[in-house]
């Protein structure tokens, strides 16, 4: 496999995942795929560590139950050897009140035999939690006046 084909495989994975096609995304993963996103699981219970297609399917199904109108932009996607990295700007609409949430993900992928075997996501969870809770968490923690969210 070439770096160009790995880049293309990750691009296709991201596109089908954020189109909501969970099964097409899983087809692009190994059976033992490993996923990790550090996140406060009390607030974002669908995040954290997942292993295998069944756990990823459960996580992504939960996300689709909470959010709609998923889409993303990928301004940067690079590949080197069997690794790829992407800067992903994600847009989710909260089903509960139709408010749009947008955040950035630094996604890191490892491929094995042409399929994604590892996914590591780094998210600014502080910003994401503020958007999801619709609260100025920094103001709450510091006691300063809220700037509004």
N, C-alpha and C. Protein backbone atom coordinates (compact mmCIF):
# COMPACT_ATOMS: atom_id res chain seq x y z
N UNK A 1 0.84 -1.18 0.00
CA UNK A 1 0.00 0.00 0.00
C UNK A 1 0.89 1.25 0.00
N UNK A 2 0.47 2.22 -0.73
CA UNK A 2 1.23 3.46 -0.79
C UNK A 2 0.64 4.49 0.16
N UNK A 3 1.42 5.52 0.45
CA UNK A 3 0.92 6.60 1.30
C UNK A 3 -0.30 7.26 0.68
N UNK A 4 -0.29 7.40 -0.64
CA UNK A 4 -1.44 8.01 -1.33
C UNK A 4 -2.70 7.17 -1.12
N UNK A 5 -2.57 5.84 -1.19
CA UNK A 5 -3.75 5.00 -1.00
C UNK A 5 -4.21 5.03 0.47
N UNK A 6 -3.27 5.11 1.42
CA UNK A 6 -3.64 5.24 2.83
C UNK A 6 -4.37 6.56 3.07
N UNK A 7 -3.87 7.61 2.46
CA UNK A 7 -4.52 8.92 2.60
C UNK A 7 -5.94 8.84 2.05
N UNK A 8 -6.11 8.22 0.89
CA UNK A 8 -7.42 8.08 0.27
C UNK A 8 -8.36 7.24 1.14
N UNK A 9 -7.83 6.16 1.73
CA UNK A 9 -8.67 5.31 2.57
C UNK A 9 -9.16 6.06 3.81
N UNK A 10 -8.29 6.85 4.43
CA UNK A 10 -8.70 7.63 5.60
C UNK A 10 -9.70 8.70 5.19
N UNK A 11 -9.47 9.36 4.06
CA UNK A 11 -10.40 10.37 3.56
C UNK A 11 -11.79 9.76 3.35
N UNK A 12 -11.85 8.60 2.72
CA UNK A 12 -13.13 7.92 2.49
C UNK A 12 -13.78 7.53 3.82
N UNK A 13 -12.98 7.04 4.76
CA UNK A 13 -13.50 6.68 6.08
C UNK A 13 -14.16 7.88 6.75
N UNK A 14 -13.47 9.00 6.77
CA UNK A 14 -14.00 10.22 7.40
C UNK A 14 -15.29 10.65 6.70
N UNK A 15 -15.29 10.63 5.38
CA UNK A 15 -16.47 11.05 4.61
C UNK A 15 -17.69 10.18 4.93
N UNK A 16 -17.53 8.86 4.92
CA UNK A 16 -18.68 7.99 5.16
C UNK A 16 -19.11 8.04 6.62
N UNK A 17 -18.17 8.17 7.53
CA UNK A 17 -18.52 8.26 8.94
C UNK A 17 -19.38 9.48 9.20
N UNK A 18 -18.93 10.65 8.72
CA UNK A 18 -19.67 11.88 8.99
C UNK A 18 -20.89 12.07 8.07
N UNK A 19 -21.08 11.15 7.14
CA UNK A 19 -22.34 11.14 6.39
C UNK A 19 -23.38 10.33 7.15
N UNK A 20 -22.94 9.64 8.21
CA UNK A 20 -23.84 8.84 9.02
C UNK A 20 -23.90 7.38 8.64
N UNK A 21 -23.07 6.94 7.69
CA UNK A 21 -23.09 5.54 7.24
C UNK A 21 -22.11 4.73 8.10
N UNK A 22 -22.60 4.28 9.24
CA UNK A 22 -21.77 3.56 10.20
C UNK A 22 -21.21 2.28 9.60
N UNK A 23 -22.03 1.52 8.91
CA UNK A 23 -21.58 0.23 8.36
C UNK A 23 -20.48 0.43 7.32
N UNK A 24 -20.61 1.46 6.49
CA UNK A 24 -19.55 1.73 5.50
C UNK A 24 -18.26 2.15 6.19
N UNK A 25 -18.38 2.89 7.30
CA UNK A 25 -17.19 3.27 8.06
C UNK A 25 -16.54 2.03 8.66
N UNK A 26 -17.34 1.14 9.23
CA UNK A 26 -16.81 -0.08 9.85
C UNK A 26 -16.16 -1.01 8.83
N UNK A 27 -16.66 -1.02 7.59
CA UNK A 27 -16.06 -1.84 6.53
C UNK A 27 -14.62 -1.42 6.27
N UNK A 28 -14.29 -0.19 6.60
CA UNK A 28 -12.95 0.34 6.37
C UNK A 28 -12.03 0.14 7.56
N UNK A 29 -12.51 -0.58 8.58
CA UNK A 29 -11.75 -0.83 9.81
C UNK A 29 -11.44 -2.32 9.96
N UNK A 30 -10.37 -2.61 10.67
CA UNK A 30 -10.06 -4.00 11.02
C UNK A 30 -11.06 -4.47 12.08
N UNK A 31 -11.20 -5.78 12.22
CA UNK A 31 -12.13 -6.32 13.23
C UNK A 31 -11.73 -5.90 14.64
N UNK A 32 -10.43 -5.77 14.88
CA UNK A 32 -9.93 -5.42 16.22
C UNK A 32 -9.58 -3.94 16.35
N UNK A 33 -10.24 -3.09 15.58
CA UNK A 33 -9.95 -1.66 15.59
C UNK A 33 -9.98 -1.11 17.02
N UNK A 34 -9.06 -0.23 17.30
CA UNK A 34 -8.92 0.40 18.61
C UNK A 34 -9.22 1.89 18.47
N UNK A 35 -10.06 2.42 19.35
CA UNK A 35 -10.42 3.83 19.33
C UNK A 35 -10.17 4.43 20.70
N UNK A 36 -9.58 5.64 20.72
CA UNK A 36 -9.38 6.33 21.98
C UNK A 36 -9.56 7.82 21.77
N UNK A 37 -10.42 8.41 22.60
CA UNK A 37 -10.58 9.86 22.66
C UNK A 37 -10.70 10.22 24.13
N UNK A 38 -9.73 10.97 24.63
CA UNK A 38 -9.83 11.42 26.01
C UNK A 38 -10.98 12.41 26.11
N UNK A 39 -11.88 12.13 27.02
CA UNK A 39 -13.04 13.00 27.18
C UNK A 39 -13.66 12.73 28.54
N UNK A 40 -14.34 13.72 29.09
CA UNK A 40 -15.06 13.49 30.36
C UNK A 40 -16.29 12.62 30.08
N UNK A 41 -16.17 11.32 30.35
CA UNK A 41 -17.23 10.39 29.97
C UNK A 41 -18.51 10.57 30.78
N UNK A 42 -18.45 11.31 31.89
CA UNK A 42 -19.69 11.62 32.62
C UNK A 42 -20.57 12.55 31.79
N UNK A 43 -19.94 13.40 30.99
CA UNK A 43 -20.68 14.35 30.14
C UNK A 43 -20.79 13.82 28.72
N UNK A 44 -19.76 13.14 28.26
CA UNK A 44 -19.73 12.57 26.90
C UNK A 44 -19.59 11.05 27.01
N UNK A 45 -20.64 10.35 27.44
CA UNK A 45 -20.53 8.91 27.72
C UNK A 45 -20.19 8.05 26.51
N UNK A 46 -20.40 8.58 25.33
CA UNK A 46 -20.11 7.82 24.12
C UNK A 46 -18.63 7.89 23.73
N UNK A 47 -17.84 8.67 24.43
CA UNK A 47 -16.42 8.80 24.09
C UNK A 47 -15.60 7.83 24.95
N UNK A 48 -14.30 8.04 24.98
CA UNK A 48 -13.43 7.18 25.77
C UNK A 48 -12.74 6.15 24.91
N UNK A 49 -12.52 4.97 25.49
CA UNK A 49 -11.80 3.89 24.81
C UNK A 49 -12.80 2.86 24.31
N UNK A 50 -12.62 2.45 23.07
CA UNK A 50 -13.46 1.42 22.46
C UNK A 50 -12.55 0.44 21.72
N UNK A 51 -12.97 -0.81 21.70
CA UNK A 51 -12.19 -1.85 21.02
C UNK A 51 -13.12 -2.73 20.21
N UNK A 52 -12.81 -2.90 18.94
CA UNK A 52 -13.58 -3.77 18.07
C UNK A 52 -14.75 -3.06 17.40
N UNK A 53 -15.20 -3.66 16.31
CA UNK A 53 -16.27 -3.05 15.52
C UNK A 53 -17.57 -2.91 16.29
N UNK A 54 -17.91 -3.88 17.13
CA UNK A 54 -19.18 -3.81 17.86
C UNK A 54 -19.20 -2.60 18.78
N UNK A 55 -18.10 -2.33 19.47
CA UNK A 55 -18.05 -1.18 20.38
C UNK A 55 -18.06 0.14 19.62
N UNK A 56 -17.40 0.18 18.46
CA UNK A 56 -17.45 1.39 17.64
C UNK A 56 -18.85 1.61 17.09
N UNK A 57 -19.50 0.54 16.65
CA UNK A 57 -20.87 0.65 16.14
C UNK A 57 -21.78 1.21 17.24
N UNK A 58 -21.65 0.72 18.46
CA UNK A 58 -22.45 1.19 19.58
C UNK A 58 -22.19 2.68 19.85
N UNK A 59 -20.92 3.08 19.84
CA UNK A 59 -20.56 4.48 20.09
C UNK A 59 -21.14 5.38 19.00
N UNK A 60 -20.93 5.02 17.74
CA UNK A 60 -21.39 5.86 16.65
C UNK A 60 -22.92 5.89 16.56
N UNK A 61 -23.57 4.79 16.91
CA UNK A 61 -25.03 4.76 16.94
C UNK A 61 -25.54 5.71 18.01
N UNK A 62 -24.88 5.73 19.16
CA UNK A 62 -25.25 6.65 20.24
C UNK A 62 -25.08 8.10 19.79
N UNK A 63 -24.00 8.39 19.09
CA UNK A 63 -23.77 9.75 18.59
C UNK A 63 -24.89 10.15 17.63
N UNK A 64 -25.25 9.26 16.72
CA UNK A 64 -26.32 9.57 15.75
C UNK A 64 -27.69 9.72 16.43
N UNK A 65 -27.87 9.09 17.58
CA UNK A 65 -29.12 9.25 18.32
C UNK A 65 -29.19 10.62 19.00
N UNK A 66 -28.05 11.18 19.35
CA UNK A 66 -28.00 12.46 20.05
C UNK A 66 -27.91 13.66 19.10
N UNK A 67 -27.32 13.43 17.93
CA UNK A 67 -27.02 14.53 17.02
C UNK A 67 -27.48 14.19 15.60
N UNK A 68 -27.79 15.22 14.84
CA UNK A 68 -28.17 15.03 13.44
C UNK A 68 -27.38 16.02 12.59
N UNK A 69 -27.63 15.98 11.31
CA UNK A 69 -26.98 16.93 10.40
C UNK A 69 -25.47 16.96 10.60
N UNK A 70 -24.88 15.76 10.71
CA UNK A 70 -23.44 15.65 10.87
C UNK A 70 -22.76 15.96 9.55
N UNK A 71 -21.73 16.75 9.61
CA UNK A 71 -20.86 16.91 8.46
C UNK A 71 -19.51 17.43 8.95
N UNK A 72 -18.55 17.43 8.07
CA UNK A 72 -17.21 17.85 8.47
C UNK A 72 -16.47 18.44 7.29
N UNK A 73 -15.40 19.13 7.63
CA UNK A 73 -14.42 19.63 6.66
C UNK A 73 -13.07 19.07 7.08
N UNK A 74 -12.25 18.72 6.12
CA UNK A 74 -10.93 18.17 6.40
C UNK A 74 -9.90 19.03 5.68
N UNK A 75 -9.46 20.13 6.31
CA UNK A 75 -8.51 21.01 5.64
C UNK A 75 -7.11 20.42 5.53
N UNK A 76 -6.77 19.49 6.42
CA UNK A 76 -5.44 18.88 6.38
C UNK A 76 -5.57 17.38 6.57
N UNK A 77 -4.97 16.62 5.67
CA UNK A 77 -4.90 15.17 5.79
C UNK A 77 -3.58 14.74 5.18
N UNK A 78 -2.73 14.17 6.00
CA UNK A 78 -1.43 13.72 5.52
C UNK A 78 -1.24 12.24 5.87
N UNK A 79 -0.41 11.58 5.09
CA UNK A 79 -0.11 10.18 5.36
C UNK A 79 1.38 9.96 5.19
N UNK A 80 1.90 9.10 6.04
CA UNK A 80 3.30 8.71 5.96
C UNK A 80 3.39 7.25 6.39
N UNK A 81 3.87 6.40 5.51
CA UNK A 81 3.89 4.98 5.81
C UNK A 81 2.48 4.48 6.05
N UNK A 82 2.29 3.74 7.15
CA UNK A 82 0.97 3.21 7.47
C UNK A 82 0.23 4.07 8.49
N UNK A 83 0.61 5.34 8.59
CA UNK A 83 -0.02 6.28 9.52
C UNK A 83 -0.59 7.46 8.75
N UNK A 84 -1.66 8.05 9.31
CA UNK A 84 -2.25 9.25 8.71
C UNK A 84 -2.72 10.16 9.84
N UNK A 85 -2.77 11.45 9.55
CA UNK A 85 -3.25 12.44 10.51
C UNK A 85 -4.15 13.42 9.78
N UNK A 86 -5.21 13.83 10.47
CA UNK A 86 -6.17 14.74 9.85
C UNK A 86 -6.61 15.80 10.84
N UNK A 87 -6.77 17.01 10.33
CA UNK A 87 -7.42 18.09 11.07
C UNK A 87 -8.84 18.11 10.56
N UNK A 88 -9.79 17.85 11.45
CA UNK A 88 -11.19 17.70 11.05
C UNK A 88 -12.03 18.74 11.79
N UNK A 89 -12.77 19.53 11.05
CA UNK A 89 -13.72 20.48 11.63
C UNK A 89 -15.08 19.81 11.54
N UNK A 90 -15.70 19.52 12.70
CA UNK A 90 -16.92 18.75 12.78
C UNK A 90 -18.10 19.65 13.14
N UNK A 91 -19.24 19.35 12.54
CA UNK A 91 -20.48 20.07 12.80
C UNK A 91 -21.56 19.04 13.13
N UNK A 92 -22.18 19.18 14.32
CA UNK A 92 -23.27 18.32 14.76
C UNK A 92 -24.43 19.21 15.17
N UNK A 93 -25.64 18.79 14.87
CA UNK A 93 -26.83 19.50 15.35
C UNK A 93 -27.41 18.69 16.51
N UNK A 94 -27.57 19.34 17.66
CA UNK A 94 -28.13 18.68 18.83
C UNK A 94 -29.61 18.39 18.58
N UNK A 95 -30.02 17.14 18.72
CA UNK A 95 -31.42 16.78 18.50
C UNK A 95 -32.34 17.42 19.53
N UNK A 96 -31.86 17.64 20.73
CA UNK A 96 -32.69 18.14 21.81
C UNK A 96 -33.21 19.57 21.56
N UNK A 97 -32.40 20.42 20.90
CA UNK A 97 -32.84 21.81 20.67
C UNK A 97 -32.41 22.38 19.32
N UNK A 98 -31.84 21.55 18.47
CA UNK A 98 -31.43 21.92 17.11
C UNK A 98 -30.24 22.90 17.07
N UNK A 99 -29.58 23.10 18.19
CA UNK A 99 -28.41 23.98 18.21
C UNK A 99 -27.22 23.28 17.55
N UNK A 100 -26.49 24.03 16.72
CA UNK A 100 -25.32 23.48 16.03
C UNK A 100 -24.09 23.55 16.94
N UNK A 101 -23.37 22.46 17.02
CA UNK A 101 -22.13 22.37 17.77
C UNK A 101 -21.03 22.19 16.74
N UNK A 102 -19.94 22.94 16.90
CA UNK A 102 -18.81 22.78 15.98
C UNK A 102 -17.53 22.72 16.79
N UNK A 103 -16.63 21.82 16.37
CA UNK A 103 -15.38 21.65 17.10
C UNK A 103 -14.35 21.01 16.17
N UNK A 104 -13.11 21.09 16.60
CA UNK A 104 -12.01 20.52 15.82
C UNK A 104 -11.53 19.22 16.46
N UNK A 105 -11.17 18.29 15.61
CA UNK A 105 -10.58 17.03 16.04
C UNK A 105 -9.24 16.89 15.33
N UNK A 106 -8.23 16.51 16.10
CA UNK A 106 -6.97 16.05 15.51
C UNK A 106 -7.09 14.53 15.52
N UNK A 107 -7.22 13.94 14.34
CA UNK A 107 -7.41 12.50 14.23
C UNK A 107 -6.13 11.84 13.74
N UNK A 108 -5.74 10.78 14.43
CA UNK A 108 -4.54 10.03 14.07
C UNK A 108 -4.95 8.58 13.81
N UNK A 109 -4.50 8.06 12.68
CA UNK A 109 -4.94 6.75 12.22
C UNK A 109 -3.74 5.87 11.91
N UNK A 110 -3.87 4.59 12.22
CA UNK A 110 -2.90 3.58 11.79
C UNK A 110 -3.67 2.59 10.92
N UNK A 111 -3.01 2.15 9.86
CA UNK A 111 -3.65 1.21 8.94
C UNK A 111 -2.88 -0.10 8.92
N UNK A 112 -3.64 -1.18 8.74
CA UNK A 112 -3.05 -2.51 8.60
C UNK A 112 -3.80 -3.23 7.50
N UNK A 113 -3.07 -3.71 6.52
CA UNK A 113 -3.68 -4.43 5.39
C UNK A 113 -4.77 -3.60 4.71
N UNK A 114 -4.54 -2.28 4.62
CA UNK A 114 -5.46 -1.41 3.91
C UNK A 114 -6.68 -0.97 4.71
N UNK A 115 -6.74 -1.36 5.99
CA UNK A 115 -7.88 -0.97 6.82
C UNK A 115 -7.38 -0.22 8.05
N UNK A 116 -8.26 0.58 8.63
CA UNK A 116 -7.90 1.37 9.80
C UNK A 116 -7.92 0.46 11.03
N UNK A 117 -6.79 0.42 11.73
CA UNK A 117 -6.67 -0.44 12.90
C UNK A 117 -6.64 0.35 14.21
N UNK A 118 -6.27 1.63 14.14
CA UNK A 118 -6.22 2.47 15.34
C UNK A 118 -6.72 3.87 15.00
N UNK A 119 -7.53 4.42 15.90
CA UNK A 119 -8.02 5.79 15.77
C UNK A 119 -7.77 6.47 17.10
N UNK A 120 -7.08 7.58 17.06
CA UNK A 120 -6.82 8.38 18.28
C UNK A 120 -7.30 9.78 17.97
N UNK A 121 -8.26 10.27 18.76
CA UNK A 121 -8.79 11.61 18.53
C UNK A 121 -8.44 12.52 19.70
N UNK A 122 -7.98 13.70 19.36
CA UNK A 122 -7.72 14.73 20.36
C UNK A 122 -8.68 15.87 20.07
N UNK A 123 -9.49 16.17 21.08
CA UNK A 123 -10.56 17.16 20.95
C UNK A 123 -10.39 18.19 22.06
N UNK A 124 -10.69 19.45 21.76
CA UNK A 124 -10.75 20.46 22.80
C UNK A 124 -12.06 20.23 23.54
N UNK A 125 -12.03 19.31 24.51
CA UNK A 125 -13.25 18.92 25.19
C UNK A 125 -13.82 20.05 26.05
N UNK A 126 -12.98 20.96 26.52
CA UNK A 126 -13.49 22.09 27.30
C UNK A 126 -14.45 22.91 26.45
N UNK A 127 -14.01 23.26 25.24
CA UNK A 127 -14.87 24.02 24.33
C UNK A 127 -16.11 23.22 23.96
N UNK A 128 -15.95 21.94 23.69
CA UNK A 128 -17.08 21.09 23.32
C UNK A 128 -18.09 21.00 24.46
N UNK A 129 -17.62 20.79 25.69
CA UNK A 129 -18.52 20.69 26.83
C UNK A 129 -19.29 22.01 27.02
N UNK A 130 -18.62 23.14 26.87
CA UNK A 130 -19.32 24.43 26.98
C UNK A 130 -20.45 24.52 25.95
N UNK A 131 -20.18 24.09 24.73
CA UNK A 131 -21.21 24.14 23.69
C UNK A 131 -22.36 23.18 24.00
N UNK A 132 -22.03 21.99 24.46
CA UNK A 132 -23.07 21.01 24.74
C UNK A 132 -23.93 21.42 25.93
N UNK A 133 -23.29 21.95 26.97
CA UNK A 133 -24.03 22.38 28.16
C UNK A 133 -24.65 23.76 27.99
N UNK A 134 -24.17 24.48 26.97
CA UNK A 134 -24.62 25.85 26.70
C UNK A 134 -24.41 26.73 27.93
N UNK A 135 -23.21 26.58 28.52
CA UNK A 135 -22.81 27.34 29.71
C UNK A 135 -21.38 27.82 29.54
N UNK A 136 -21.08 28.97 30.09
CA UNK A 136 -19.71 29.47 30.12
C UNK A 136 -19.03 28.82 31.32
N UNK A 137 -18.44 27.67 31.11
CA UNK A 137 -17.83 26.89 32.17
C UNK A 137 -16.66 27.66 32.80
N UNK A 138 -15.90 28.38 32.00
CA UNK A 138 -14.78 29.15 32.54
C UNK A 138 -15.29 30.18 33.54
N UNK A 139 -16.37 30.86 33.24
CA UNK A 139 -16.94 31.85 34.17
C UNK A 139 -17.43 31.15 35.44
N UNK A 140 -18.03 29.99 35.30
CA UNK A 140 -18.48 29.25 36.47
C UNK A 140 -17.32 28.85 37.37
N UNK A 141 -16.21 28.46 36.77
CA UNK A 141 -15.05 28.01 37.55
C UNK A 141 -14.28 29.15 38.20
N UNK A 142 -14.26 30.30 37.52
CA UNK A 142 -13.46 31.43 38.02
C UNK A 142 -14.29 32.46 38.78
N UNK A 143 -15.60 32.39 38.66
CA UNK A 143 -16.46 33.36 39.32
C UNK A 143 -16.58 34.67 38.59
N UNK A 144 -15.98 34.76 37.40
CA UNK A 144 -16.11 36.00 36.62
C UNK A 144 -17.44 36.03 35.90
N UNK A 145 -17.76 37.17 35.40
CA UNK A 145 -19.02 37.35 34.68
C UNK A 145 -19.00 36.57 33.36
N UNK A 146 -20.09 35.92 33.03
CA UNK A 146 -20.20 35.13 31.81
C UNK A 146 -20.19 36.00 30.58
N UNK A 147 -19.48 35.53 29.56
CA UNK A 147 -19.46 36.23 28.27
C UNK A 147 -20.56 35.70 27.35
N UNK A 148 -21.29 34.69 27.81
CA UNK A 148 -22.35 34.11 26.98
C UNK A 148 -21.82 33.05 26.05
N UNK A 149 -22.59 32.06 25.85
CA UNK A 149 -22.20 30.96 24.95
C UNK A 149 -23.20 30.87 23.83
